[in-house]
Amino acid sequence: MSSLPWSAFKQHPAVVGWYAYDEPIANNIPPEIMKAVYHAIKTEDPERPVAVVFAGDRLSEVPKYINFLDIYMVDRYPLYYPKPEFNNLKDYWRWMQQAAYYAEDKLFWPVLQAFGEQQDGTPKYKRRLPTAAEERYMFYTAVLAGADGLIFYGHHWTLQSWVDSVLTPLIEEFDNYVPAINSQPFSRKVLVNRFDVQAFLYKEPTSDRYLLIAVHHGRDKVKAVINLNLSVANNFAQVLDEDRQVKLLTGILQDYFNSYAVHIYAIH
């Protein structure tokens, strides 16, 4: 293994891990090969993690490979050219939860679609670039599924203007919520009156503020009633990044959700 090119870079501070293979199931690479690759890498560099990405289908075969990786990644790129906004997202959250289930005790890093039209307007692999609302929906659906990290594929097939206007603001927004999310969901259960609205409550570690992330997994406009099962002094919840408030009565809030909407509430 010492003759492999990557071995010369294993002490470089920019190297955080090793990408062993891209979609081994889809490419008919048996688990035995991935086992050999994993142990060879670990022999050379036992400290850094080994990542493998799996295509979004045939996830039931992932357990055959799960012991031969440290970071489990899974990709699905649902947004096709020239389909309209939110097309092909109806089962995305169920698929994401299934993908998370197969992570077992490994780190789970979903790979989100971040490519599409090229500079001349032609689609790449029949895909289009996600709208801001679509990327935000996929982002927070992955977060609520328990993602430990996120990968955005791929920089060489996207537009810098899309990165600047869609992806960068989304990451900057999320950065404000990382401390609360890393503290794990709050122990009191959040109840929602709709099956297609998912909500998690988090406690900010350095303040008395709670963070509620709610995601609507559907196309129709709906009204959701969310019971925090929590006594709070304030009668309003601030809807972050939307410049509005909603009433909060006895720990219950009601709000409207448009197609695949994400609302993030600050509660004191």
C-alpha atoms as a PDB file:
ATOM      1  CA  MET A   1       0.000   0.000   0.000  1.00  0.00           C
ATOM      2  CA  SER A   2       2.910   2.385   0.539  1.00  0.00           C
ATOM      3  CA  SER A   3       3.262   2.804  -3.227  1.00  0.00           C
ATOM      4  CA  LEU A   4      -0.268   4.171  -3.654  1.00  0.00           C
ATOM      5  CA  PRO A   5      -0.384   7.918  -4.492  1.00  0.00           C
ATOM      6  CA  TRP A   6      -2.663   8.818  -1.588  1.00  0.00           C
ATOM      7  CA  SER A   7      -0.219   7.434   0.970  1.00  0.00           C
ATOM      8  CA  ALA A   8       2.071  10.392   0.339  1.00  0.00           C
ATOM      9  CA  PHE A   9      -0.662  12.752   1.522  1.00  0.00           C
ATOM     10  CA  LYS A  10      -1.943  10.947   4.609  1.00  0.00           C
ATOM     11  CA  GLN A  11      -0.212  13.375   6.976  1.00  0.00           C
ATOM     12  CA  HIS A  12      -1.476  16.466   5.156  1.00  0.00           C
ATOM     13  CA  PRO A  13      -3.808  18.559   7.384  1.00  0.00           C
ATOM     14  CA  ALA A  14      -6.229  19.089   4.487  1.00  0.00           C
ATOM     15  CA  VAL A  15      -6.972  15.354   4.299  1.00  0.00           C
ATOM     16  CA  VAL A  16      -9.851  14.523   6.642  1.00  0.00           C
ATOM     17  CA  GLY A  17     -10.618  11.033   5.345  1.00  0.00           C
ATOM     18  CA  TRP A  18     -10.626   8.607   2.444  1.00  0.00           C
ATOM     19  CA  TYR A  19     -13.313   8.031  -0.149  1.00  0.00           C
ATOM     20  CA  ALA A  20     -13.181   4.302  -0.815  1.00  0.00           C
ATOM     21  CA  TYR A  21     -15.744   3.865  -3.586  1.00  0.00           C
ATOM     22  CA  ASP A  22     -18.657   5.464  -5.380  1.00  0.00           C
ATOM     23  CA  GLU A  23     -21.886   3.425  -5.386  1.00  0.00           C
ATOM     24  CA  PRO A  24     -20.486  -0.114  -5.035  1.00  0.00           C
ATOM     25  CA  ILE A  25     -23.913  -1.795  -5.180  1.00  0.00           C
ATOM     26  CA  ALA A  26     -24.909   0.000  -8.380  1.00  0.00           C
ATOM     27  CA  ASN A  27     -21.540  -0.927  -9.893  1.00  0.00           C
ATOM     28  CA  ASN A  28     -21.739  -4.582  -8.813  1.00  0.00           C
ATOM     29  CA  ILE A  29     -18.757  -4.401  -6.462  1.00  0.00           C
ATOM     30  CA  PRO A  30     -19.194  -7.234  -3.929  1.00  0.00           C
ATOM     31  CA  PRO A  31     -18.813  -6.701  -0.177  1.00  0.00           C
ATOM     32  CA  GLU A  32     -15.654  -8.828  -0.167  1.00  0.00           C
ATOM     33  CA  ILE A  33     -13.866  -6.278  -2.344  1.00  0.00           C
ATOM     34  CA  MET A  34     -14.991  -3.388  -0.139  1.00  0.00           C
ATOM     35  CA  LYS A  35     -13.815  -5.295   2.935  1.00  0.00           C
ATOM     36  CA  ALA A  36     -10.360  -5.695   1.417  1.00  0.00           C
ATOM     37  CA  VAL A  37     -10.216  -2.022   0.434  1.00  0.00           C
ATOM     38  CA  TYR A  38     -11.327  -0.894   3.895  1.00  0.00           C
ATOM     39  CA  HIS A  39      -8.757  -2.997   5.739  1.00  0.00           C
ATOM     40  CA  ALA A  40      -5.999  -1.943   3.343  1.00  0.00           C
ATOM     41  CA  ILE A  41      -6.749   1.741   3.993  1.00  0.00           C
ATOM     42  CA  LYS A  42      -6.992   1.214   7.739  1.00  0.00           C
ATOM     43  CA  THR A  43      -3.665  -0.592   7.748  1.00  0.00           C
ATOM     44  CA  GLU A  44      -2.066   2.407   6.067  1.00  0.00           C
ATOM     45  CA  ASP A  45      -3.981   5.065   8.024  1.00  0.00           C
ATOM     46  CA  PRO A  46      -5.932   3.801  11.053  1.00  0.00           C
ATOM     47  CA  GLU A  47      -6.929   7.270  12.255  1.00  0.00           C
ATOM     48  CA  ARG A  48      -8.858   8.906   9.431  1.00  0.00           C
ATOM     49  CA  PRO A  49     -12.363   7.738   8.484  1.00  0.00           C
ATOM     50  CA  VAL A  50     -13.259   5.848   5.324  1.00  0.00           C
ATOM     51  CA  ALA A  51     -16.348   6.948   3.406  1.00  0.00           C
ATOM     52  CA  VAL A  52     -18.485   5.099   0.878  1.00  0.00           C
ATOM     53  CA  VAL A  53     -21.467   6.522  -0.989  1.00  0.00           C
ATOM     54  CA  PHE A  54     -24.452   4.422  -2.058  1.00  0.00           C
ATOM     55  CA  ALA A  55     -26.992   5.160  -4.755  1.00  0.00           C
ATOM     56  CA  GLY A  56     -30.488   5.914  -3.537  1.00  0.00           C
ATOM     57  CA  ASP A  57     -32.010   2.598  -4.583  1.00  0.00           C
ATOM     58  CA  ARG A  58     -31.300  -0.947  -3.332  1.00  0.00           C
ATOM     59  CA  LEU A  59     -30.672   0.360   0.178  1.00  0.00           C
ATOM     60  CA  SER A  60     -31.712  -2.979   1.651  1.00  0.00           C
ATOM     61  CA  GLU A  61     -28.301  -4.292   0.501  1.00  0.00           C
ATOM     62  CA  VAL A  62     -26.357  -1.676   2.479  1.00  0.00           C
ATOM     63  CA  PRO A  63     -26.031  -3.896   5.617  1.00  0.00           C
ATOM     64  CA  LYS A  64     -23.727  -6.188   3.621  1.00  0.00           C
ATOM     65  CA  TYR A  65     -21.262  -3.287   3.348  1.00  0.00           C
ATOM     66  CA  ILE A  66     -21.846  -1.276   6.515  1.00  0.00           C
ATOM     67  CA  ASN A  67     -18.964  -2.804   8.503  1.00  0.00           C
ATOM     68  CA  PHE A  68     -16.460  -1.745   5.846  1.00  0.00           C
ATOM     69  CA  LEU A  69     -16.807   2.011   6.202  1.00  0.00           C
ATOM     70  CA  ASP A  70     -16.861   4.746   8.827  1.00  0.00           C
ATOM     71  CA  ILE A  71     -18.954   7.360   7.010  1.00  0.00           C
ATOM     72  CA  TYR A  72     -22.077   6.124   5.254  1.00  0.00           C
ATOM     73  CA  MET A  73     -23.215   8.418   2.463  1.00  0.00           C
ATOM     74  CA  VAL A  74     -26.238   8.032   0.213  1.00  0.00           C
ATOM     75  CA  ASP A  75     -27.214  10.058  -2.844  1.00  0.00           C
ATOM     76  CA  ARG A  76     -30.436  10.819  -4.633  1.00  0.00           C
ATOM     77  CA  TYR A  77     -30.910  13.569  -7.201  1.00  0.00           C
ATOM     78  CA  PRO A  78     -34.672  13.947  -7.733  1.00  0.00           C
ATOM     79  CA  LEU A  79     -34.976  17.226  -9.635  1.00  0.00           C
ATOM     80  CA  TYR A  80     -35.175  16.706 -13.390  1.00  0.00           C
ATOM     81  CA  TYR A  81     -35.082  19.152 -16.268  1.00  0.00           C
ATOM     82  CA  PRO A  82     -37.485  20.747 -17.219  1.00  0.00           C
ATOM     83  CA  LYS A  83     -39.888  19.575 -14.510  1.00  0.00           C
ATOM     84  CA  PRO A  84     -41.561  22.255 -12.317  1.00  0.00           C
ATOM     85  CA  GLU A  85     -40.671  23.127  -8.749  1.00  0.00           C
ATOM     86  CA  PHE A  86     -41.180  20.354  -6.165  1.00  0.00           C
ATOM     87  CA  ASN A  87     -41.755  17.699  -8.798  1.00  0.00           C
ATOM     88  CA  ASN A  88     -40.586  14.260  -7.638  1.00  0.00           C
ATOM     89  CA  LEU A  89     -40.209  15.141  -3.946  1.00  0.00           C
ATOM     90  CA  LYS A  90     -43.337  13.430  -2.623  1.00  0.00           C
ATOM     91  CA  ASP A  91     -41.501  10.424  -1.124  1.00  0.00           C
ATOM     92  CA  TYR A  92     -38.195  12.155  -0.407  1.00  0.00           C
ATOM     93  CA  TRP A  93     -38.631  12.282   3.376  1.00  0.00           C
ATOM     94  CA  ARG A  94     -39.601   8.619   3.660  1.00  0.00           C
ATOM     95  CA  TRP A  95     -36.614   7.692   1.530  1.00  0.00           C
ATOM     96  CA  MET A  96     -34.329   9.857   3.721  1.00  0.00           C
ATOM     97  CA  GLN A  97     -35.599   8.176   6.871  1.00  0.00           C
ATOM     98  CA  GLN A  98     -35.028   4.761   5.315  1.00  0.00           C
ATOM     99  CA  ALA A  99     -31.517   5.784   4.335  1.00  0.00           C
ATOM    100  CA  ALA A 100     -30.845   6.933   7.912  1.00  0.00           C
ATOM    101  CA  TYR A 101     -32.102   3.613   9.276  1.00  0.00           C
ATOM    102  CA  TYR A 102     -29.375   1.705   7.452  1.00  0.00           C
ATOM    103  CA  ALA A 103     -26.638   3.906   8.907  1.00  0.00           C
ATOM    104  CA  GLU A 104     -26.722   1.862  12.126  1.00  0.00           C
ATOM    105  CA  ASP A 105     -23.867   3.241  14.281  1.00  0.00           C
ATOM    106  CA  LYS A 106     -21.943   4.847  11.406  1.00  0.00           C
ATOM    107  CA  LEU A 107     -21.786   8.539  10.616  1.00  0.00           C
ATOM    108  CA  PHE A 108     -24.594   9.437   8.199  1.00  0.00           C
ATOM    109  CA  TRP A 109     -23.821  12.015   5.506  1.00  0.00           C
ATOM    110  CA  PRO A 110     -26.580  12.401   2.879  1.00  0.00           C
ATOM    111  CA  VAL A 111     -25.489  13.718  -0.518  1.00  0.00           C
ATOM    112  CA  LEU A 112     -27.861  16.432  -1.741  1.00  0.00           C
ATOM    113  CA  GLN A 113     -28.437  17.525  -5.321  1.00  0.00           C
ATOM    114  CA  ALA A 114     -26.454  20.663  -6.116  1.00  0.00           C
ATOM    115  CA  PHE A 115     -26.055  20.402  -9.888  1.00  0.00           C
ATOM    116  CA  GLY A 116     -28.157  20.833 -12.989  1.00  0.00           C
ATOM    117  CA  GLU A 117     -28.128  23.341 -15.815  1.00  0.00           C
ATOM    118  CA  GLN A 118     -24.776  24.367 -17.207  1.00  0.00           C
ATOM    119  CA  GLN A 119     -23.640  27.839 -18.284  1.00  0.00           C
ATOM    120  CA  ASP A 120     -25.295  27.402 -21.693  1.00  0.00           C
ATOM    121  CA  GLY A 121     -28.574  26.299 -20.100  1.00  0.00           C
ATOM    122  CA  THR A 122     -28.332  22.626 -21.059  1.00  0.00           C
ATOM    123  CA  PRO A 123     -29.117  20.080 -18.333  1.00  0.00           C
ATOM    124  CA  LYS A 124     -26.461  17.818 -16.809  1.00  0.00           C
ATOM    125  CA  TYR A 125     -27.612  14.198 -16.594  1.00  0.00           C
ATOM    126  CA  LYS A 126     -31.152  15.407 -17.304  1.00  0.00           C
ATOM    127  CA  ARG A 127     -31.169  17.400 -14.047  1.00  0.00           C
ATOM    128  CA  ARG A 128     -31.879  21.047 -13.279  1.00  0.00           C
ATOM    129  CA  LEU A 129     -30.569  23.162 -10.436  1.00  0.00           C
ATOM    130  CA  PRO A 130     -32.741  23.089  -7.293  1.00  0.00           C
ATOM    131  CA  THR A 131     -34.670  26.207  -6.405  1.00  0.00           C
ATOM    132  CA  ALA A 132     -33.899  27.827  -3.052  1.00  0.00           C
ATOM    133  CA  ALA A 133     -37.069  26.314  -1.566  1.00  0.00           C
ATOM    134  CA  GLU A 134     -36.226  22.829  -2.873  1.00  0.00           C
ATOM    135  CA  GLU A 135     -32.660  22.901  -1.555  1.00  0.00           C
ATOM    136  CA  ARG A 136     -33.857  24.160   1.820  1.00  0.00           C
ATOM    137  CA  TYR A 137     -36.441  21.392   1.988  1.00  0.00           C
ATOM    138  CA  MET A 138     -33.926  18.647   1.158  1.00  0.00           C
ATOM    139  CA  PHE A 139     -31.407  20.175   3.580  1.00  0.00           C
ATOM    140  CA  TYR A 140     -33.686  20.210   6.620  1.00  0.00           C
ATOM    141  CA  THR A 141     -35.294  16.880   5.756  1.00  0.00           C
ATOM    142  CA  ALA A 142     -31.820  15.389   6.023  1.00  0.00           C
ATOM    143  CA  VAL A 143     -31.169  17.243   9.296  1.00  0.00           C
ATOM    144  CA  LEU A 144     -34.368  15.917  10.891  1.00  0.00           C
ATOM    145  CA  ALA A 145     -33.494  12.417   9.681  1.00  0.00           C
ATOM    146  CA  GLY A 146     -30.381  12.596  11.860  1.00  0.00           C
ATOM    147  CA  ALA A 147     -27.658  13.566   9.402  1.00  0.00           C
ATOM    148  CA  ASP A 148     -24.208  13.953  10.962  1.00  0.00           C
ATOM    149  CA  GLY A 149     -22.973  15.888   7.941  1.00  0.00           C
ATOM    150  CA  LEU A 150     -24.053  16.941   4.469  1.00  0.00           C
ATOM    151  CA  ILE A 151     -22.378  16.731   1.073  1.00  0.00           C
ATOM    152  CA  PHE A 152     -23.489  18.824  -1.912  1.00  0.00           C
ATOM    153  CA  TYR A 153     -22.859  17.276  -5.317  1.00  0.00           C
ATOM    154  CA  GLY A 154     -21.160  18.676  -7.169  1.00  0.00           C
ATOM    155  CA  HIS A 155     -19.196  21.876  -7.560  1.00  0.00           C
ATOM    156  CA  HIS A 156     -17.802  21.019 -11.001  1.00  0.00           C
ATOM    157  CA  TRP A 157     -21.340  20.641 -12.420  1.00  0.00           C
ATOM    158  CA  THR A 158     -23.038  23.662 -10.934  1.00  0.00           C
ATOM    159  CA  LEU A 159     -23.094  27.410 -11.456  1.00  0.00           C
ATOM    160  CA  GLN A 160     -21.255  29.797  -9.166  1.00  0.00           C
ATOM    161  CA  SER A 161     -24.272  32.092  -9.298  1.00  0.00           C
ATOM    162  CA  TRP A 162     -26.396  29.259  -7.832  1.00  0.00           C
ATOM    163  CA  VAL A 163     -23.817  28.602  -5.113  1.00  0.00           C
ATOM    164  CA  ASP A 164     -23.799  32.309  -4.214  1.00  0.00           C
ATOM    165  CA  SER A 165     -27.569  32.843  -4.277  1.00  0.00           C
ATOM    166  CA  VAL A 166     -28.900  29.506  -2.958  1.00  0.00           C
ATOM    167  CA  LEU A 167     -26.358  27.272  -1.259  1.00  0.00           C
ATOM    168  CA  THR A 168     -24.178  29.784   0.592  1.00  0.00           C
ATOM    169  CA  PRO A 169     -27.091  31.645   2.261  1.00  0.00           C
ATOM    170  CA  LEU A 170     -28.605  28.313   3.305  1.00  0.00           C
ATOM    171  CA  ILE A 171     -25.382  27.143   4.943  1.00  0.00           C
ATOM    172  CA  GLU A 172     -24.911  30.516   6.632  1.00  0.00           C
ATOM    173  CA  GLU A 173     -28.463  30.315   7.993  1.00  0.00           C
ATOM    174  CA  PHE A 174     -27.943  26.796   9.290  1.00  0.00           C
ATOM    175  CA  ASP A 175     -24.665  27.714  10.954  1.00  0.00           C
ATOM    176  CA  ASN A 176     -26.654  29.749  13.477  1.00  0.00           C
ATOM    177  CA  TYR A 177     -28.566  26.640  14.552  1.00  0.00           C
ATOM    178  CA  VAL A 178     -25.733  24.122  14.801  1.00  0.00           C
ATOM    179  CA  PRO A 179     -25.112  24.497  18.573  1.00  0.00           C
ATOM    180  CA  ALA A 180     -28.760  23.722  19.360  1.00  0.00           C
ATOM    181  CA  ILE A 181     -28.983  20.845  16.892  1.00  0.00           C
ATOM    182  CA  ASN A 182     -25.744  19.325  18.143  1.00  0.00           C
ATOM    183  CA  SER A 183     -27.228  19.270  21.632  1.00  0.00           C
ATOM    184  CA  GLN A 184     -29.754  16.686  20.316  1.00  0.00           C
ATOM    185  CA  PRO A 185     -33.555  17.053  20.227  1.00  0.00           C
ATOM    186  CA  PHE A 186     -35.155  18.097  23.487  1.00  0.00           C
ATOM    187  CA  SER A 187     -36.470  15.231  25.575  1.00  0.00           C
ATOM    188  CA  ARG A 188     -40.106  16.368  25.677  1.00  0.00           C
ATOM    189  CA  LYS A 189     -41.992  15.024  22.686  1.00  0.00           C
ATOM    190  CA  VAL A 190     -43.401  17.404  20.085  1.00  0.00           C
ATOM    191  CA  LEU A 191     -46.865  16.442  18.855  1.00  0.00           C
ATOM    192  CA  VAL A 192     -48.185  17.488  15.450  1.00  0.00           C
ATOM    193  CA  ASN A 193     -51.751  17.001  14.256  1.00  0.00           C
ATOM    194  CA  ARG A 194     -50.631  16.123  10.725  1.00  0.00           C
ATOM    195  CA  PHE A 195     -48.623  13.128   9.498  1.00  0.00           C
ATOM    196  CA  ASP A 196     -47.019  15.231   6.741  1.00  0.00           C
ATOM    197  CA  VAL A 197     -45.545  17.855   9.090  1.00  0.00           C
ATOM    198  CA  GLN A 198     -42.475  16.803  11.051  1.00  0.00           C
ATOM    199  CA  ALA A 199     -41.153  18.886  13.956  1.00  0.00           C
ATOM    200  CA  PHE A 200     -38.209  18.613  16.336  1.00  0.00           C
ATOM    201  CA  LEU A 201     -37.534  20.791  19.377  1.00  0.00           C
ATOM    202  CA  TYR A 202     -33.981  21.687  20.438  1.00  0.00           C
ATOM    203  CA  LYS A 203     -32.561  23.599  23.403  1.00  0.00           C
ATOM    204  CA  GLU A 204     -29.827  26.122  22.813  1.00  0.00           C
ATOM    205  CA  PRO A 205     -26.971  25.176  25.171  1.00  0.00           C
ATOM    206  CA  THR A 206     -25.988  28.712  26.206  1.00  0.00           C
ATOM    207  CA  SER A 207     -29.381  30.420  26.543  1.00  0.00           C
ATOM    208  CA  ASP A 208     -32.959  29.844  27.651  1.00  0.00           C
ATOM    209  CA  ARG A 209     -34.140  29.749  24.039  1.00  0.00           C
ATOM    210  CA  TYR A 210     -35.624  26.729  22.296  1.00  0.00           C
ATOM    211  CA  LEU A 211     -35.407  26.065  18.583  1.00  0.00           C
ATOM    212  CA  LEU A 212     -38.274  24.354  16.763  1.00  0.00           C
ATOM    213  CA  ILE A 213     -37.671  23.079  13.230  1.00  0.00           C
ATOM    214  CA  ALA A 214     -40.811  22.074  11.329  1.00  0.00           C
ATOM    215  CA  VAL A 215     -40.873  20.652   7.807  1.00  0.00           C
ATOM    216  CA  HIS A 216     -43.924  20.086   5.615  1.00  0.00           C
ATOM    217  CA  HIS A 217     -43.597  17.008   3.397  1.00  0.00           C
ATOM    218  CA  GLY A 218     -46.298  17.810   0.877  1.00  0.00           C
ATOM    219  CA  ARG A 219     -47.460  20.031  -1.970  1.00  0.00           C
ATOM    220  CA  ASP A 220     -50.766  21.420  -0.613  1.00  0.00           C
ATOM    221  CA  LYS A 221     -50.985  24.419   1.683  1.00  0.00           C
ATOM    222  CA  VAL A 222     -51.816  23.103   5.169  1.00  0.00           C
ATOM    223  CA  LYS A 223     -52.407  24.341   8.686  1.00  0.00           C
ATOM    224  CA  ALA A 224     -50.518  22.488  11.407  1.00  0.00           C
ATOM    225  CA  VAL A 225     -51.070  22.489  15.156  1.00  0.00           C
ATOM    226  CA  ILE A 226     -47.837  21.799  17.036  1.00  0.00           C
ATOM    227  CA  ASN A 227     -47.920  20.954  20.733  1.00  0.00           C
ATOM    228  CA  LEU A 228     -44.529  21.526  22.331  1.00  0.00           C
ATOM    229  CA  ASN A 229     -45.563  19.947  25.627  1.00  0.00           C
ATOM    230  CA  LEU A 230     -43.565  22.768  27.176  1.00  0.00           C
ATOM    231  CA  SER A 231     -44.433  25.645  29.488  1.00  0.00           C
ATOM    232  CA  VAL A 232     -43.040  28.931  28.203  1.00  0.00           C
ATOM    233  CA  ALA A 233     -43.475  32.494  29.424  1.00  0.00           C
ATOM    234  CA  ASN A 234     -43.724  34.157  26.007  1.00  0.00           C
ATOM    235  CA  ASN A 235     -47.010  34.195  24.097  1.00  0.00           C
ATOM    236  CA  PHE A 236     -45.296  34.387  20.718  1.00  0.00           C
ATOM    237  CA  ALA A 237     -42.773  32.374  18.753  1.00  0.00           C
ATOM    238  CA  GLN A 238     -40.480  34.203  16.358  1.00  0.00           C
ATOM    239  CA  VAL A 239     -40.327  32.646  12.896  1.00  0.00           C
ATOM    240  CA  LEU A 240     -36.663  33.022  12.069  1.00  0.00           C
ATOM    241  CA  ASP A 241     -35.612  34.344   8.653  1.00  0.00           C
ATOM    242  CA  GLU A 242     -39.249  35.250   7.916  1.00  0.00           C
ATOM    243  CA  ASP A 243     -39.667  38.449   9.968  1.00  0.00           C
ATOM    244  CA  ARG A 244     -42.949  37.373  11.573  1.00  0.00           C
ATOM    245  CA  GLN A 245     -44.379  35.895  14.756  1.00  0.00           C
ATOM    246  CA  VAL A 246     -47.018  33.281  15.544  1.00  0.00           C
ATOM    247  CA  LYS A 247     -49.111  32.998  18.675  1.00  0.00           C
ATOM    248  CA  LEU A 248     -48.000  30.508  21.281  1.00  0.00           C
ATOM    249  CA  LEU A 249     -50.733  29.567  23.734  1.00  0.00           C
ATOM    250  CA  THR A 250     -50.127  27.031  26.538  1.00  0.00           C
ATOM    251  CA  GLY A 251     -47.228  25.572  24.597  1.00  0.00           C
ATOM    252  CA  ILE A 252     -49.214  25.151  21.377  1.00  0.00           C
ATOM    253  CA  LEU A 253     -48.653  27.005  18.122  1.00  0.00           C
ATOM    254  CA  GLN A 254     -50.531  26.971  14.837  1.00  0.00           C
ATOM    255  CA  ASP A 255     -49.061  27.933  11.501  1.00  0.00           C
ATOM    256  CA  TYR A 256     -49.585  27.539   7.774  1.00  0.00           C
ATOM    257  CA  PHE A 257     -47.163  25.650   5.556  1.00  0.00           C
ATOM    258  CA  ASN A 258     -46.895  26.059   1.811  1.00  0.00           C
ATOM    259  CA  SER A 259     -45.499  23.360  -0.478  1.00  0.00           C
ATOM    260  CA  TYR A 260     -42.510  21.629   1.140  1.00  0.00           C
ATOM    261  CA  ALA A 261     -42.049  24.579   3.470  1.00  0.00           C
ATOM    262  CA  VAL A 262     -39.579  24.759   6.338  1.00  0.00           C
ATOM    263  CA  HIS A 263     -40.323  26.982   9.333  1.00  0.00           C
ATOM    264  CA  ILE A 264     -37.825  27.551  12.137  1.00  0.00           C
ATOM    265  CA  TYR A 265     -39.129  29.064  15.354  1.00  0.00           C
ATOM    266  CA  ALA A 266     -37.323  30.666  18.275  1.00  0.00           C
ATOM    267  CA  ILE A 267     -39.150  30.162  21.573  1.00  0.00           C
ATOM    268  CA  HIS A 268     -38.250  31.716  24.915  1.00  0.00           C
END
